[in-house]
N, C-alpha and C. Protein backbone atom coordinates (compact mmCIF):
# COMPACT_ATOMS: atom_id res chain seq x y z
N MET A 1 -9.77 -18.02 -3.00
CA MET A 1 -9.55 -16.74 -2.65
C MET A 1 -10.90 -16.33 -2.97
N THR A 2 -11.98 -15.99 -2.26
CA THR A 2 -13.37 -15.69 -2.87
C THR A 2 -12.92 -14.19 -4.20
N LYS A 3 -13.85 -13.70 -4.28
CA LYS A 3 -14.00 -12.80 -5.09
C LYS A 3 -14.06 -11.42 -4.22
N LYS A 4 -14.48 -11.35 -2.79
CA LYS A 4 -14.67 -10.31 -1.73
C LYS A 4 -13.19 -10.18 -1.03
N GLU A 5 -12.56 -11.27 -0.78
CA GLU A 5 -11.10 -11.36 -0.38
C GLU A 5 -10.46 -10.24 -1.26
N GLU A 6 -10.87 -10.80 -2.74
CA GLU A 6 -9.70 -10.51 -3.77
C GLU A 6 -9.76 -9.16 -3.72
N GLU A 7 -11.03 -8.88 -4.12
CA GLU A 7 -11.34 -7.14 -4.00
C GLU A 7 -10.46 -6.05 -2.81
N ARG A 8 -10.88 -6.90 -1.36
CA ARG A 8 -10.16 -6.60 -0.37
C ARG A 8 -9.05 -6.19 -0.57
N LEU A 9 -8.26 -7.20 -1.09
CA LEU A 9 -6.27 -7.62 -1.08
C LEU A 9 -6.24 -6.27 -2.51
N LEU A 10 -6.69 -6.09 -2.90
CA LEU A 10 -6.69 -5.14 -4.18
C LEU A 10 -6.81 -4.19 -3.99
N ASN A 11 -7.66 -4.02 -2.94
CA ASN A 11 -7.92 -2.09 -2.45
C ASN A 11 -6.10 -2.10 -1.14
N LYS A 12 -6.13 -2.60 -0.78
CA LYS A 12 -4.88 -2.82 -0.43
C LYS A 12 -3.77 -2.53 -0.36
N ILE A 13 -3.27 -3.45 -1.58
CA ILE A 13 -2.37 -2.99 -2.59
C ILE A 13 -2.43 -1.51 -3.05
N ASN A 14 -3.49 -1.26 -3.66
CA ASN A 14 -3.66 -0.08 -4.17
C ASN A 14 -3.73 1.53 -3.42
N GLN A 15 -4.00 1.35 -2.03
CA GLN A 15 -3.50 1.62 -0.44
C GLN A 15 -1.65 2.15 -0.28
N ILE A 16 -1.39 0.47 -0.62
CA ILE A 16 0.18 1.05 -0.40
C ILE A 16 0.76 1.69 -1.62
N GLU A 17 0.23 1.20 -2.98
CA GLU A 17 0.91 1.83 -3.81
C GLU A 17 0.72 3.56 -3.64
N LYS A 18 -0.39 3.68 -3.49
CA LYS A 18 -0.46 5.62 -2.82
C LYS A 18 0.90 5.92 -1.89
N SER A 19 0.72 5.48 -0.88
CA SER A 19 1.06 5.55 0.16
C SER A 19 3.01 5.62 -0.37
N ILE A 20 3.23 4.81 -0.90
CA ILE A 20 4.81 4.57 -1.32
C ILE A 20 4.75 5.60 -2.28
N ALA A 21 4.23 6.02 -3.84
CA ALA A 21 4.15 6.83 -4.20
C ALA A 21 4.45 8.22 -3.28
N LYS A 22 3.13 8.84 -2.54
CA LYS A 22 3.61 10.16 -1.34
C LYS A 22 5.05 9.82 -1.36
N LEU A 23 5.28 8.39 -0.52
CA LEU A 23 6.80 8.51 0.37
C LEU A 23 7.70 9.22 -0.66
N GLN A 24 8.26 8.58 -1.56
CA GLN A 24 8.35 8.85 -2.80
C GLN A 24 8.83 10.62 -3.35
N LEU A 25 7.90 10.83 -3.31
CA LEU A 25 7.82 12.31 -3.83
C LEU A 25 7.80 13.36 -2.81
N ALA A 26 7.37 12.55 -1.27
CA ALA A 26 8.14 13.66 -0.10
C ALA A 26 9.63 12.86 -0.45
N PHE A 27 10.29 12.18 -0.65
CA PHE A 27 11.86 12.06 -0.58
C PHE A 27 12.38 13.15 -1.31
N GLU A 28 11.42 13.19 -2.65
CA GLU A 28 12.17 13.57 -3.89
C GLU A 28 12.11 15.26 -3.93
N ASN A 29 11.04 15.75 -2.68
CA ASN A 29 10.83 17.12 -2.69
C ASN A 29 12.13 17.56 -1.37
N ASN A 30 12.97 16.56 -0.98
CA ASN A 30 13.51 17.11 0.37
C ASN A 30 12.72 17.48 1.66
N LYS A 31 11.54 16.55 2.00
CA LYS A 31 10.46 17.43 3.08
C LYS A 31 11.38 16.39 3.74
N ILE A 32 11.69 15.62 4.31
CA ILE A 32 12.52 14.85 5.27
C ILE A 32 13.36 15.80 5.76
N GLU A 33 13.81 16.76 6.40
CA GLU A 33 14.53 18.16 6.59
C GLU A 33 15.30 18.13 7.66
N LYS A 34 14.02 17.47 8.36
CA LYS A 34 14.46 17.86 10.00
C LYS A 34 15.84 16.90 10.60
N ALA A 35 16.52 17.36 11.06
CA ALA A 35 17.39 16.58 12.09
C ALA A 35 16.48 14.94 12.96
N PHE A 36 15.78 15.54 13.40
CA PHE A 36 14.98 14.13 14.42
C PHE A 36 13.18 14.64 14.51
N TYR A 37 12.66 13.40 14.69
CA TYR A 37 11.54 13.09 14.21
C TYR A 37 11.04 12.47 15.22
N THR A 38 9.56 12.43 15.86
CA THR A 38 8.85 11.64 16.74
C THR A 38 8.42 10.67 16.40
N VAL A 39 8.64 9.03 17.14
CA VAL A 39 7.43 8.13 16.81
C VAL A 39 6.43 8.38 15.78
N ARG A 40 5.60 9.45 16.57
CA ARG A 40 4.01 9.79 16.06
C ARG A 40 4.29 10.52 14.63
N GLU A 41 5.40 11.44 14.30
CA GLU A 41 5.56 11.85 12.86
C GLU A 41 6.58 10.69 12.15
N VAL A 42 6.83 9.87 12.31
CA VAL A 42 7.61 8.90 11.81
C VAL A 42 6.17 7.85 11.15
N SER A 43 4.96 7.93 12.04
CA SER A 43 4.30 6.96 11.87
C SER A 43 3.32 7.64 10.57
N GLU A 44 3.19 8.61 10.87
CA GLU A 44 2.24 9.27 10.14
C GLU A 44 2.68 9.07 8.35
N MET A 45 4.48 9.32 8.49
CA MET A 45 4.85 9.51 6.96
C MET A 45 4.80 8.33 6.50
N LEU A 46 5.16 7.00 7.42
CA LEU A 46 4.97 5.94 7.29
C LEU A 46 3.51 5.09 6.95
N HIS A 47 2.66 6.10 6.99
CA HIS A 47 1.41 5.36 7.53
C HIS A 47 1.29 3.66 8.32
N ARG A 48 1.83 3.81 9.15
CA ARG A 48 1.98 2.92 9.70
C ARG A 48 1.45 3.55 11.36
N THR A 49 1.27 2.54 12.33
CA THR A 49 0.73 2.56 13.77
C THR A 49 2.58 2.67 14.36
N PRO A 50 2.02 3.61 15.47
CA PRO A 50 3.37 3.85 16.20
C PRO A 50 4.00 2.69 16.57
N ARG A 51 3.60 1.41 17.22
CA ARG A 51 3.78 0.31 17.28
C ARG A 51 5.19 -0.76 16.55
N ALA A 52 4.35 0.09 14.91
CA ALA A 52 5.31 -0.91 14.23
C ALA A 52 6.54 0.08 13.73
N VAL A 53 6.41 1.33 14.15
CA VAL A 53 7.61 2.64 14.50
C VAL A 53 8.17 2.24 15.21
N TYR A 54 8.13 1.58 16.81
CA TYR A 54 9.04 0.88 17.53
C TYR A 54 9.52 -0.65 17.44
N ASN A 55 8.58 -1.12 16.56
CA ASN A 55 9.62 -2.88 15.97
C ASN A 55 10.34 -2.50 15.45
N MET A 56 10.09 -1.66 14.48
CA MET A 56 11.21 -0.88 13.43
C MET A 56 12.74 -0.66 14.26
N ILE A 57 12.17 0.33 15.31
CA ILE A 57 13.57 -0.09 15.96
C ILE A 57 14.03 -0.34 16.64
N GLU A 58 13.24 -1.29 17.42
CA GLU A 58 13.70 -3.07 18.21
C GLU A 58 14.95 -3.77 16.99
N ARG A 59 14.26 -3.06 15.93
CA ARG A 59 15.00 -4.07 14.47
C ARG A 59 16.02 -4.09 14.11
N GLY A 60 16.67 -2.40 14.65
CA GLY A 60 17.82 -1.81 14.39
C GLY A 60 17.15 -0.58 12.70
N GLU A 61 16.12 -1.01 12.07
CA GLU A 61 16.02 -0.28 10.95
C GLU A 61 16.35 1.03 10.86
N LEU A 62 15.40 1.95 12.13
CA LEU A 62 15.79 3.13 12.11
C LEU A 62 16.84 3.68 13.38
N ASP A 63 17.78 4.86 12.90
CA ASP A 63 18.58 4.94 14.24
C ASP A 63 17.77 6.10 15.49
N THR A 64 17.94 5.82 16.29
CA THR A 64 17.70 6.63 17.50
C THR A 64 18.29 7.35 18.00
N VAL A 65 17.75 8.66 18.96
CA VAL A 65 18.47 9.50 19.88
C VAL A 65 17.59 9.44 21.14
N LYS A 66 17.93 9.60 22.23
CA LYS A 66 16.66 9.85 23.54
C LYS A 66 16.85 10.92 23.69
N LEU A 67 16.08 11.71 23.88
CA LEU A 67 15.64 13.79 23.93
C LEU A 67 14.72 13.97 24.55
N GLY A 68 14.58 12.91 25.76
CA GLY A 68 13.55 13.71 26.38
C GLY A 68 12.08 12.44 26.05
N GLY A 69 12.72 11.65 25.07
CA GLY A 69 12.10 10.63 24.25
C GLY A 69 12.85 10.01 23.54
N ILE A 70 12.11 8.82 23.13
CA ILE A 70 12.84 8.73 21.38
C ILE A 70 12.92 9.35 20.32
N LYS A 71 13.89 9.94 19.63
CA LYS A 71 13.58 10.91 18.18
C LYS A 71 14.44 9.79 17.32
N ILE A 72 13.76 9.92 16.02
CA ILE A 72 14.29 9.27 14.71
C ILE A 72 15.17 10.01 14.81
N LYS A 73 16.80 8.91 13.82
CA LYS A 73 17.04 10.52 13.20
C LYS A 73 16.57 10.80 11.92
N GLY A 74 16.82 11.77 11.19
CA GLY A 74 16.16 12.17 9.94
C GLY A 74 17.07 11.50 8.99
N GLU A 75 18.13 11.57 8.66
CA GLU A 75 19.11 11.22 8.08
C GLU A 75 18.97 9.32 8.26
N SER A 76 18.38 8.39 9.25
CA SER A 76 18.09 7.38 9.09
C SER A 76 17.10 7.09 7.85
N LEU A 77 15.53 7.70 8.75
CA LEU A 77 14.57 8.00 7.85
C LEU A 77 14.92 8.17 6.88
N LYS A 78 15.67 8.94 5.76
CA LYS A 78 16.39 9.06 4.82
C LYS A 78 16.27 7.87 3.94
N GLU A 79 17.51 6.92 4.81
CA GLU A 79 17.91 5.78 4.55
C GLU A 79 16.96 4.83 4.57
N LYS A 80 15.45 4.76 5.43
CA LYS A 80 15.22 3.92 5.24
C LYS A 80 14.02 3.56 4.11
N LEU A 81 13.80 5.02 3.59
CA LEU A 81 13.03 5.56 2.72
C LEU A 81 13.80 4.76 1.30
N LYS A 82 14.70 5.21 1.34
CA LYS A 82 16.01 5.32 0.26
C LYS A 82 15.66 2.93 -0.24
N GLY A 83 15.51 2.60 1.14
CA GLY A 83 15.35 1.20 0.93
C GLY A 83 14.01 0.38 0.92
N GLY A 84 13.07 1.41 0.88
CA GLY A 84 11.65 0.78 1.20
C GLY A 84 11.32 0.43 2.07
N VAL A 85 9.82 0.75 2.33
CA VAL A 85 9.50 0.46 3.82
C VAL A 85 8.65 -0.81 3.44
N GLU A 86 8.82 -1.80 4.59
CA GLU A 86 8.19 -3.10 4.06
C GLU A 86 7.30 -2.97 5.27
């Protein structure tokens, strides 16, 4: 691994650690209060693309309902945050 690749990897790890810290703070402050969230809202909370959130749904990691569109259950999101985001 080159020095430049190592720096990029360390920067990415740092960004992920900051995202995790923000998610933990949001969870601790009970900011996950709504019953349902849109895919876009969840993607912004988790710092993931909407496609990544759909993949999580397809793998059964998030429970959803159909309310004019796919909505992620707030309780399911809380459980995912407790277990960590991959």
